[in-house]
């Protein structure tokens, strides 16, 4: 899936998306717990970027936990929503395939259900980019649709085609990029989800 198609698809639904998922974390205690653990690891160590931040709800949650958090998203309309709802935080347009960030400048990065629209062949390069922007000892938290799959599997996401991934496959790609696994979680789907969720906490050695 091209970045242009993904950007255009999210631009078209930005307002509805922001309204629909504004309070979604309230009903996701396990996700909140892992995000909170991530916040504990990065707090006070430097800037943290929410990559693929959408309307900024997770960026704002990190900020509420005392993290120096900012957001980046491919969609200008999503960035407009984020800036309107969280004017005290910084949000910029950008792509995870080529982050406009200096080498080794981040204490942490979060990619919360934002790697799912990448073509599988692009994922190793994106994890190499995550590695580049993290400081030594910095942490990365990624979340994605997962489940009983051995290979990345395309599905008809409500916005635009996406892939769900086996947790072990994503961990292996991350390891090859120089990111060591700290923890993983495979969470069963709730009543509003179609698939289980995979979450990986990683560290740049």
C-alpha atoms as a PDB file:
ATOM      1  CA  UNK A   1       0.000   0.000   0.000  1.00  0.00           C
ATOM      2  CA  UNK A   2       1.486   3.358  -1.024  1.00  0.00           C
ATOM      3  CA  UNK A   3       1.972   6.145   1.481  1.00  0.00           C
ATOM      4  CA  UNK A   4      -0.137   8.420  -0.717  1.00  0.00           C
ATOM      5  CA  UNK A   5      -3.093   6.019  -0.577  1.00  0.00           C
ATOM      6  CA  UNK A   6      -2.740   5.624   3.197  1.00  0.00           C
ATOM      7  CA  UNK A   7      -2.496   9.381   3.747  1.00  0.00           C
ATOM      8  CA  UNK A   8      -5.523  10.087   1.554  1.00  0.00           C
ATOM      9  CA  UNK A   9      -7.599   7.372   3.253  1.00  0.00           C
ATOM     10  CA  UNK A  10      -6.910   8.750   6.733  1.00  0.00           C
ATOM     11  CA  UNK A  11      -7.400  12.342   5.603  1.00  0.00           C
ATOM     12  CA  UNK A  12     -10.895  11.355   4.481  1.00  0.00           C
ATOM     13  CA  UNK A  13     -11.919   9.926   7.868  1.00  0.00           C
ATOM     14  CA  UNK A  14      -9.890  12.053  10.291  1.00  0.00           C
ATOM     15  CA  UNK A  15     -12.813  13.735  12.063  1.00  0.00           C
ATOM     16  CA  UNK A  16     -14.844  10.518  12.379  1.00  0.00           C
ATOM     17  CA  UNK A  17     -11.758   8.585  13.499  1.00  0.00           C
ATOM     18  CA  UNK A  18     -10.940  11.138  16.199  1.00  0.00           C
ATOM     19  CA  UNK A  19     -14.525  11.054  17.501  1.00  0.00           C
ATOM     20  CA  UNK A  20     -14.759   7.253  17.418  1.00  0.00           C
ATOM     21  CA  UNK A  21     -11.500   6.453  19.191  1.00  0.00           C
ATOM     22  CA  UNK A  22     -11.119   9.447  21.520  1.00  0.00           C
ATOM     23  CA  UNK A  23     -11.718   7.357  24.658  1.00  0.00           C
ATOM     24  CA  UNK A  24     -10.684   3.946  23.336  1.00  0.00           C
ATOM     25  CA  UNK A  25      -7.817   3.547  25.806  1.00  0.00           C
ATOM     26  CA  UNK A  26     -10.290   3.727  28.685  1.00  0.00           C
ATOM     27  CA  UNK A  27     -11.453   0.216  27.781  1.00  0.00           C
ATOM     28  CA  UNK A  28      -7.966  -1.234  27.156  1.00  0.00           C
ATOM     29  CA  UNK A  29      -6.380  -1.798  30.571  1.00  0.00           C
ATOM     30  CA  UNK A  30      -3.620  -4.097  29.337  1.00  0.00           C
ATOM     31  CA  UNK A  31      -2.539  -1.675  26.603  1.00  0.00           C
ATOM     32  CA  UNK A  32      -2.588   1.166  29.141  1.00  0.00           C
ATOM     33  CA  UNK A  33      -0.459  -0.899  31.497  1.00  0.00           C
ATOM     34  CA  UNK A  34       2.222  -1.548  28.896  1.00  0.00           C
ATOM     35  CA  UNK A  35       2.184   2.062  27.721  1.00  0.00           C
ATOM     36  CA  UNK A  36       2.553   3.109  31.363  1.00  0.00           C
ATOM     37  CA  UNK A  37       5.516   0.746  31.798  1.00  0.00           C
ATOM     38  CA  UNK A  38       7.059   2.248  28.658  1.00  0.00           C
ATOM     39  CA  UNK A  39       6.497   5.711  30.141  1.00  0.00           C
ATOM     40  CA  UNK A  40       8.303   4.665  33.324  1.00  0.00           C
ATOM     41  CA  UNK A  41      11.315   3.583  31.245  1.00  0.00           C
ATOM     42  CA  UNK A  42      11.595   6.778  29.184  1.00  0.00           C
ATOM     43  CA  UNK A  43      10.378   9.487  31.550  1.00  0.00           C
ATOM     44  CA  UNK A  44      13.015  12.138  32.214  1.00  0.00           C
ATOM     45  CA  UNK A  45      15.507  10.631  29.766  1.00  0.00           C
ATOM     46  CA  UNK A  46      14.704  12.821  26.772  1.00  0.00           C
ATOM     47  CA  UNK A  47      12.124  13.317  24.036  1.00  0.00           C
ATOM     48  CA  UNK A  48       9.700  10.611  22.956  1.00  0.00           C
ATOM     49  CA  UNK A  49       7.820  10.511  19.647  1.00  0.00           C
ATOM     50  CA  UNK A  50       4.494   8.810  18.939  1.00  0.00           C
ATOM     51  CA  UNK A  51       4.995   7.695  15.330  1.00  0.00           C
ATOM     52  CA  UNK A  52       1.721   7.417  13.447  1.00  0.00           C
ATOM     53  CA  UNK A  53       0.007   9.383  16.200  1.00  0.00           C
ATOM     54  CA  UNK A  54      -3.321   9.954  14.447  1.00  0.00           C
ATOM     55  CA  UNK A  55      -5.399  12.468  16.439  1.00  0.00           C
ATOM     56  CA  UNK A  56      -2.919  12.374  19.315  1.00  0.00           C
ATOM     57  CA  UNK A  57      -4.799  10.431  22.001  1.00  0.00           C
ATOM     58  CA  UNK A  58      -1.822   8.219  22.940  1.00  0.00           C
ATOM     59  CA  UNK A  59       0.592  11.147  22.696  1.00  0.00           C
ATOM     60  CA  UNK A  60      -1.597  12.990  25.194  1.00  0.00           C
ATOM     61  CA  UNK A  61      -1.738   9.920  27.461  1.00  0.00           C
ATOM     62  CA  UNK A  62       2.063   9.746  27.491  1.00  0.00           C
ATOM     63  CA  UNK A  63       2.193  13.462  28.307  1.00  0.00           C
ATOM     64  CA  UNK A  64      -0.210  12.900  31.214  1.00  0.00           C
ATOM     65  CA  UNK A  65       2.283  10.344  32.552  1.00  0.00           C
ATOM     66  CA  UNK A  66       5.052  12.944  32.614  1.00  0.00           C
ATOM     67  CA  UNK A  67       6.698  12.032  29.312  1.00  0.00           C
ATOM     68  CA  UNK A  68       8.163  14.676  26.968  1.00  0.00           C
ATOM     69  CA  UNK A  69       5.973  13.439  24.107  1.00  0.00           C
ATOM     70  CA  UNK A  70       5.324  14.692  20.573  1.00  0.00           C
ATOM     71  CA  UNK A  71       3.557  13.127  17.596  1.00  0.00           C
ATOM     72  CA  UNK A  72       4.227  12.464  13.912  1.00  0.00           C
ATOM     73  CA  UNK A  73       1.671  11.301  11.362  1.00  0.00           C
ATOM     74  CA  UNK A  74       1.468  10.876   7.609  1.00  0.00           C
ATOM     75  CA  UNK A  75      -1.999  12.452   7.401  1.00  0.00           C
ATOM     76  CA  UNK A  76      -2.284  16.263   7.462  1.00  0.00           C
ATOM     77  CA  UNK A  77      -5.928  15.987   8.510  1.00  0.00           C
ATOM     78  CA  UNK A  78      -4.995  13.772  11.458  1.00  0.00           C
ATOM     79  CA  UNK A  79      -2.309  16.256  12.479  1.00  0.00           C
ATOM     80  CA  UNK A  80      -4.902  19.045  12.303  1.00  0.00           C
ATOM     81  CA  UNK A  81      -7.160  17.039  14.630  1.00  0.00           C
ATOM     82  CA  UNK A  82      -4.295  16.389  17.033  1.00  0.00           C
ATOM     83  CA  UNK A  83      -3.281  20.049  17.152  1.00  0.00           C
ATOM     84  CA  UNK A  84      -6.871  21.163  17.716  1.00  0.00           C
ATOM     85  CA  UNK A  85      -7.496  18.678  20.546  1.00  0.00           C
ATOM     86  CA  UNK A  86      -4.078  18.940  22.212  1.00  0.00           C
ATOM     87  CA  UNK A  87      -2.747  22.451  21.483  1.00  0.00           C
ATOM     88  CA  UNK A  88      -0.164  22.195  24.278  1.00  0.00           C
ATOM     89  CA  UNK A  89       1.653  19.370  22.443  1.00  0.00           C
ATOM     90  CA  UNK A  90       3.724  19.306  19.251  1.00  0.00           C
ATOM     91  CA  UNK A  91       2.509  17.398  16.192  1.00  0.00           C
ATOM     92  CA  UNK A  92       4.232  17.272  12.790  1.00  0.00           C
ATOM     93  CA  UNK A  93       3.572  15.643   9.457  1.00  0.00           C
ATOM     94  CA  UNK A  94       6.046  12.932   8.567  1.00  0.00           C
ATOM     95  CA  UNK A  95       6.633   9.371   7.448  1.00  0.00           C
ATOM     96  CA  UNK A  96       8.052   6.493   9.460  1.00  0.00           C
ATOM     97  CA  UNK A  97       9.958   5.278   6.416  1.00  0.00           C
ATOM     98  CA  UNK A  98      12.171   8.386   6.582  1.00  0.00           C
ATOM     99  CA  UNK A  99      11.849  10.181   9.895  1.00  0.00           C
ATOM    100  CA  UNK A 100      12.920  13.830   9.942  1.00  0.00           C
ATOM    101  CA  UNK A 101      14.704  13.270  13.247  1.00  0.00           C
ATOM    102  CA  UNK A 102      18.406  13.275  14.172  1.00  0.00           C
ATOM    103  CA  UNK A 103      20.364  10.109  14.811  1.00  0.00           C
ATOM    104  CA  UNK A 104      20.169   8.923  18.408  1.00  0.00           C
ATOM    105  CA  UNK A 105      17.994  11.786  19.599  1.00  0.00           C
ATOM    106  CA  UNK A 106      15.059   9.968  21.210  1.00  0.00           C
ATOM    107  CA  UNK A 107      14.704   8.368  24.610  1.00  0.00           C
ATOM    108  CA  UNK A 108      11.730   6.472  23.250  1.00  0.00           C
ATOM    109  CA  UNK A 109       9.421   5.895  20.306  1.00  0.00           C
ATOM    110  CA  UNK A 110       5.940   4.467  20.150  1.00  0.00           C
ATOM    111  CA  UNK A 111       4.238   2.983  17.083  1.00  0.00           C
ATOM    112  CA  UNK A 112       0.740   2.148  18.283  1.00  0.00           C
ATOM    113  CA  UNK A 113      -1.100   0.240  15.528  1.00  0.00           C
ATOM    114  CA  UNK A 114       0.722   2.347  12.926  1.00  0.00           C
ATOM    115  CA  UNK A 115       2.996  -0.266  11.289  1.00  0.00           C
ATOM    116  CA  UNK A 116      -0.021  -2.238  10.051  1.00  0.00           C
ATOM    117  CA  UNK A 117      -0.417  -0.359   6.767  1.00  0.00           C
ATOM    118  CA  UNK A 118       3.162  -0.985   5.643  1.00  0.00           C
ATOM    119  CA  UNK A 119       3.864  -3.532   2.950  1.00  0.00           C
ATOM    120  CA  UNK A 120       5.633  -6.433   4.690  1.00  0.00           C
ATOM    121  CA  UNK A 121       8.788  -5.846   2.647  1.00  0.00           C
ATOM    122  CA  UNK A 122       9.057  -2.342   4.106  1.00  0.00           C
ATOM    123  CA  UNK A 123       9.004  -3.358   7.774  1.00  0.00           C
ATOM    124  CA  UNK A 124      12.759  -4.125   8.136  1.00  0.00           C
ATOM    125  CA  UNK A 125      13.648  -0.664   6.812  1.00  0.00           C
ATOM    126  CA  UNK A 126      11.198   0.988   9.187  1.00  0.00           C
ATOM    127  CA  UNK A 127      12.680  -0.821  12.182  1.00  0.00           C
ATOM    128  CA  UNK A 128      16.134   0.248  11.019  1.00  0.00           C
ATOM    129  CA  UNK A 129      14.803   3.811  11.017  1.00  0.00           C
ATOM    130  CA  UNK A 130      13.415   3.365  14.546  1.00  0.00           C
ATOM    131  CA  UNK A 131      16.863   2.113  15.613  1.00  0.00           C
ATOM    132  CA  UNK A 132      18.552   5.107  13.992  1.00  0.00           C
ATOM    133  CA  UNK A 133      16.555   7.736  15.870  1.00  0.00           C
ATOM    134  CA  UNK A 134      16.741   6.052  19.299  1.00  0.00           C
ATOM    135  CA  UNK A 135      19.536   6.872  21.706  1.00  0.00           C
ATOM    136  CA  UNK A 136      21.518   3.912  23.074  1.00  0.00           C
ATOM    137  CA  UNK A 137      19.344   2.402  25.784  1.00  0.00           C
ATOM    138  CA  UNK A 138      16.227   3.979  24.284  1.00  0.00           C
ATOM    139  CA  UNK A 139      12.975   2.031  24.153  1.00  0.00           C
ATOM    140  CA  UNK A 140      10.419   1.326  21.433  1.00  0.00           C
ATOM    141  CA  UNK A 141       6.870   0.111  21.987  1.00  0.00           C
ATOM    142  CA  UNK A 142       4.938  -1.255  19.005  1.00  0.00           C
ATOM    143  CA  UNK A 143       1.372  -2.555  18.826  1.00  0.00           C
ATOM    144  CA  UNK A 144      -0.325  -4.281  15.906  1.00  0.00           C
ATOM    145  CA  UNK A 145      -3.096  -6.699  15.006  1.00  0.00           C
ATOM    146  CA  UNK A 146      -1.896 -10.276  15.436  1.00  0.00           C
ATOM    147  CA  UNK A 147      -3.414 -13.682  16.177  1.00  0.00           C
ATOM    148  CA  UNK A 148      -3.017 -17.206  14.881  1.00  0.00           C
ATOM    149  CA  UNK A 149      -0.918 -16.432  11.802  1.00  0.00           C
ATOM    150  CA  UNK A 150       2.514 -17.690  10.756  1.00  0.00           C
ATOM    151  CA  UNK A 151       3.111 -14.998   8.135  1.00  0.00           C
ATOM    152  CA  UNK A 152       1.898 -11.409   7.755  1.00  0.00           C
ATOM    153  CA  UNK A 153      -1.694 -11.598   6.561  1.00  0.00           C
ATOM    154  CA  UNK A 154      -3.580  -8.822   4.768  1.00  0.00           C
ATOM    155  CA  UNK A 155      -7.028  -7.866   5.987  1.00  0.00           C
ATOM    156  CA  UNK A 156      -9.685  -5.346   5.028  1.00  0.00           C
ATOM    157  CA  UNK A 157      -9.087  -2.674   7.650  1.00  0.00           C
ATOM    158  CA  UNK A 158     -11.983  -0.196   7.837  1.00  0.00           C
ATOM    159  CA  UNK A 159      -9.806   2.671   6.592  1.00  0.00           C
ATOM    160  CA  UNK A 160      -7.423   0.977   4.151  1.00  0.00           C
ATOM    161  CA  UNK A 161      -5.860  -2.464   3.717  1.00  0.00           C
ATOM    162  CA  UNK A 162      -3.600  -3.545   6.562  1.00  0.00           C
ATOM    163  CA  UNK A 163      -1.602  -6.559   7.750  1.00  0.00           C
ATOM    164  CA  UNK A 164      -1.688  -8.505  10.962  1.00  0.00           C
ATOM    165  CA  UNK A 165       1.586 -10.002  12.119  1.00  0.00           C
ATOM    166  CA  UNK A 166       2.793 -12.905  14.254  1.00  0.00           C
ATOM    167  CA  UNK A 167       4.471 -11.396  17.314  1.00  0.00           C
ATOM    168  CA  UNK A 168       7.572 -13.538  16.880  1.00  0.00           C
ATOM    169  CA  UNK A 169       8.072 -12.381  13.307  1.00  0.00           C
ATOM    170  CA  UNK A 170       7.993  -8.709  14.307  1.00  0.00           C
ATOM    171  CA  UNK A 171      10.380  -9.435  17.192  1.00  0.00           C
ATOM    172  CA  UNK A 172      12.804 -11.134  14.798  1.00  0.00           C
ATOM    173  CA  UNK A 173      12.731  -8.177  12.394  1.00  0.00           C
ATOM    174  CA  UNK A 174      13.343  -5.821  15.316  1.00  0.00           C
ATOM    175  CA  UNK A 175      16.252  -7.932  16.559  1.00  0.00           C
ATOM    176  CA  UNK A 176      17.917  -7.855  13.153  1.00  0.00           C
ATOM    177  CA  UNK A 177      17.633  -4.057  13.282  1.00  0.00           C
ATOM    178  CA  UNK A 178      19.464  -3.979  16.621  1.00  0.00           C
ATOM    179  CA  UNK A 179      16.452  -3.760  18.935  1.00  0.00           C
ATOM    180  CA  UNK A 180      16.389  -6.335  21.730  1.00  0.00           C
ATOM    181  CA  UNK A 181      13.126  -7.677  23.063  1.00  0.00           C
ATOM    182  CA  UNK A 182      12.283  -6.630  26.623  1.00  0.00           C
ATOM    183  CA  UNK A 183       8.704  -7.911  26.829  1.00  0.00           C
ATOM    184  CA  UNK A 184       5.872  -9.116  24.623  1.00  0.00           C
ATOM    185  CA  UNK A 185       2.143  -9.482  24.996  1.00  0.00           C
ATOM    186  CA  UNK A 186      -0.432 -11.277  22.867  1.00  0.00           C
ATOM    187  CA  UNK A 187      -3.767  -9.933  24.025  1.00  0.00           C
ATOM    188  CA  UNK A 188      -7.066 -11.583  23.126  1.00  0.00           C
ATOM    189  CA  UNK A 189      -9.431  -9.422  21.130  1.00  0.00           C
ATOM    190  CA  UNK A 190     -12.192  -7.607  22.932  1.00  0.00           C
ATOM    191  CA  UNK A 191     -15.771  -7.310  21.698  1.00  0.00           C
ATOM    192  CA  UNK A 192     -14.928  -4.289  19.530  1.00  0.00           C
ATOM    193  CA  UNK A 193     -11.901  -5.875  17.841  1.00  0.00           C
ATOM    194  CA  UNK A 194     -11.628  -8.389  15.026  1.00  0.00           C
ATOM    195  CA  UNK A 195      -8.217  -9.809  15.948  1.00  0.00           C
ATOM    196  CA  UNK A 196      -5.959 -10.334  18.948  1.00  0.00           C
ATOM    197  CA  UNK A 197      -3.331  -7.662  19.540  1.00  0.00           C
ATOM    198  CA  UNK A 198       0.421  -8.033  19.692  1.00  0.00           C
ATOM    199  CA  UNK A 199       2.561  -5.603  21.684  1.00  0.00           C
ATOM    200  CA  UNK A 200       6.364  -5.583  21.844  1.00  0.00           C
ATOM    201  CA  UNK A 201       8.602  -3.564  24.126  1.00  0.00           C
ATOM    202  CA  UNK A 202      12.100  -3.255  22.655  1.00  0.00           C
ATOM    203  CA  UNK A 203      15.409  -1.655  23.637  1.00  0.00           C
ATOM    204  CA  UNK A 204      18.273  -0.299  21.583  1.00  0.00           C
ATOM    205  CA  UNK A 205      21.415  -1.910  22.988  1.00  0.00           C
END
